[in-house]
Amino acid sequence: MKVCCGTDIIEIERIKNSIEDPKTGKTFIERVFTPEEIIYCESKKNQKYQHYAARFAAKEAAFKALSEQIKDKYSITWKDIQIINDEQGRPQLKILKVNLDNIENIDLSISHCKEYAVANVTALKK
């Protein structure tokens, strides 16, 4: 067995600026986030940018942790990795278009504060 991990940290202000950009903001959101993620983040009102940033970091961390499983960087898109919450509010990864047959388990941890969002993904490979 092999443990594969990925970590990412992002400035919340950077995500906020990308989303609020009048020329590219809508395109950015629609390219990176699934409709379910957008609904969730928008429901957070004043803290929505923290939640967008945390999901962005989680997707980056997942790309890093699962890089051995991904054929090439063009075979997967941002929206092929979705961050959803379970019934208790814990974030979970939903991954599409990646063969996970030899992945036994995947764990995700995300956190954010006023300035930064961070995510860690750990995958246990058979």
Protein backbone atom coordinates (compact mmCIF):
# COMPACT_ATOMS: atom_id res chain seq x y z
CA MET A 1 0.00 0.00 0.00
CA LYS A 2 1.03 3.55 -0.62
CA VAL A 3 -0.19 6.77 0.95
CA CYS A 4 -0.57 9.63 -1.55
CA CYS A 5 -1.22 13.12 -0.29
CA GLY A 6 -1.83 16.57 -1.65
CA THR A 7 -1.99 19.91 0.12
CA ASP A 8 -2.94 23.36 -1.13
CA ILE A 9 -3.29 26.81 0.39
CA ILE A 10 -4.89 29.81 -1.31
CA GLU A 11 -5.43 33.45 -0.43
CA ILE A 12 -9.17 34.08 -0.10
CA GLU A 13 -8.73 37.55 -1.58
CA ARG A 14 -7.35 36.00 -4.77
CA ILE A 15 -10.47 33.85 -5.22
CA LYS A 16 -12.71 36.80 -4.34
CA ASN A 17 -11.01 38.96 -6.99
CA SER A 18 -11.40 36.21 -9.60
CA ILE A 19 -15.11 35.83 -8.82
CA GLU A 20 -15.83 39.57 -8.70
CA ASP A 21 -13.95 40.40 -11.91
CA PRO A 22 -16.61 41.94 -14.18
CA LYS A 23 -15.07 40.44 -17.33
CA THR A 24 -14.13 36.92 -16.23
CA GLY A 25 -15.87 36.27 -12.89
CA LYS A 26 -18.85 34.36 -14.25
CA THR A 27 -16.62 32.27 -16.51
CA PHE A 28 -14.27 31.49 -13.61
CA ILE A 29 -17.09 30.27 -11.35
CA GLU A 30 -18.70 28.16 -14.08
CA ARG A 31 -15.36 26.62 -15.14
CA VAL A 32 -14.18 25.69 -11.63
CA PHE A 33 -17.28 24.96 -9.53
CA THR A 34 -20.24 22.62 -10.00
CA PRO A 35 -23.79 23.97 -9.65
CA GLU A 36 -24.09 22.24 -6.25
CA GLU A 37 -20.88 23.88 -5.02
CA ILE A 38 -22.05 27.30 -6.20
CA ILE A 39 -25.39 26.92 -4.40
CA TYR A 40 -23.59 25.87 -1.21
CA CYS A 41 -21.04 28.69 -1.29
CA GLU A 42 -23.59 31.37 -2.19
CA SER A 43 -25.71 30.27 0.79
CA LYS A 44 -22.87 31.32 3.10
CA LYS A 45 -23.50 35.02 2.37
CA ASN A 46 -20.66 37.06 3.96
CA GLN A 47 -18.35 34.05 4.15
CA LYS A 48 -18.97 32.73 0.65
CA TYR A 49 -15.47 33.56 -0.59
CA GLN A 50 -13.93 31.50 2.22
CA HIS A 51 -16.00 28.51 1.12
CA TYR A 52 -15.19 29.01 -2.56
CA ALA A 53 -11.49 29.25 -1.68
CA ALA A 54 -11.64 26.13 0.51
CA ARG A 55 -13.22 24.15 -2.34
CA PHE A 56 -10.66 25.50 -4.79
CA ALA A 57 -7.84 24.39 -2.45
CA ALA A 58 -9.50 20.98 -2.01
CA LYS A 59 -9.64 20.44 -5.77
CA GLU A 60 -5.96 21.39 -6.11
CA ALA A 61 -5.04 19.05 -3.24
CA ALA A 62 -7.06 16.24 -4.86
CA PHE A 63 -5.26 16.77 -8.19
CA LYS A 64 -1.95 16.44 -6.35
CA ALA A 65 -2.93 13.38 -4.31
CA LEU A 66 -4.41 11.56 -7.31
CA SER A 67 -1.86 12.66 -9.92
CA GLU A 68 -0.64 9.07 -10.43
CA GLN A 69 -4.21 8.06 -11.31
CA ILE A 70 -4.70 10.85 -13.85
CA LYS A 71 -3.63 10.04 -17.40
CA ASP A 72 -2.61 13.62 -18.18
CA LYS A 73 -3.59 17.09 -17.01
CA TYR A 74 -6.04 17.46 -19.89
CA SER A 75 -8.03 14.33 -19.03
CA ILE A 76 -9.70 15.94 -16.00
CA THR A 77 -11.40 19.27 -15.39
CA TRP A 78 -12.06 21.31 -12.29
CA LYS A 79 -15.67 20.18 -12.24
CA ASP A 80 -14.68 16.50 -12.32
CA ILE A 81 -13.84 16.93 -8.64
CA GLN A 82 -16.75 18.05 -6.50
CA ILE A 83 -16.68 18.92 -2.81
CA ILE A 84 -19.92 18.03 -1.09
CA ASN A 85 -20.84 17.87 2.59
CA ASP A 86 -22.24 14.77 4.25
CA GLU A 87 -25.18 14.80 6.68
CA GLN A 88 -22.92 15.96 9.53
CA GLY A 89 -21.43 18.77 7.44
CA ARG A 90 -18.08 17.05 6.81
CA PRO A 91 -16.58 17.76 3.38
CA GLN A 92 -16.32 14.79 1.02
CA LEU A 93 -14.74 14.35 -2.40
CA LYS A 94 -16.87 13.21 -5.30
CA ILE A 95 -14.56 12.33 -8.18
CA LEU A 96 -15.59 11.73 -11.79
CA LYS A 97 -13.58 10.55 -14.82
CA VAL A 98 -10.69 9.16 -12.77
CA ASN A 99 -10.17 5.43 -12.39
CA LEU A 100 -10.09 4.89 -8.64
CA ASP A 101 -10.08 1.08 -8.71
CA ASN A 102 -6.77 0.88 -6.87
CA ILE A 103 -7.63 3.61 -4.35
CA GLU A 104 -8.85 2.07 -1.12
CA ASN A 105 -9.78 5.27 0.74
CA ILE A 106 -9.71 9.05 0.30
CA ASP A 107 -9.86 11.59 3.13
CA LEU A 108 -10.30 15.34 2.84
CA SER A 109 -9.69 18.04 5.40
CA ILE A 110 -10.34 21.72 4.70
CA SER A 111 -10.05 24.82 6.84
CA HIS A 112 -10.18 28.55 6.37
CA CYS A 113 -9.69 31.74 8.28
CA LYS A 114 -10.01 35.40 7.33
CA GLU A 115 -7.13 35.39 4.83
CA TYR A 116 -6.40 31.80 3.77
CA ALA A 117 -8.04 28.50 2.92
CA VAL A 118 -6.16 25.22 3.11
CA ALA A 119 -6.97 21.65 2.14
CA ASN A 120 -5.32 18.28 2.57
CA VAL A 121 -6.26 15.13 0.64
CA THR A 122 -4.89 11.73 1.58
CA ALA A 123 -5.47 8.69 -0.61
CA LEU A 124 -4.60 5.12 0.31
CA LYS A 125 -3.49 3.27 -2.82
CA LYS A 126 -3.66 -0.55 -2.90
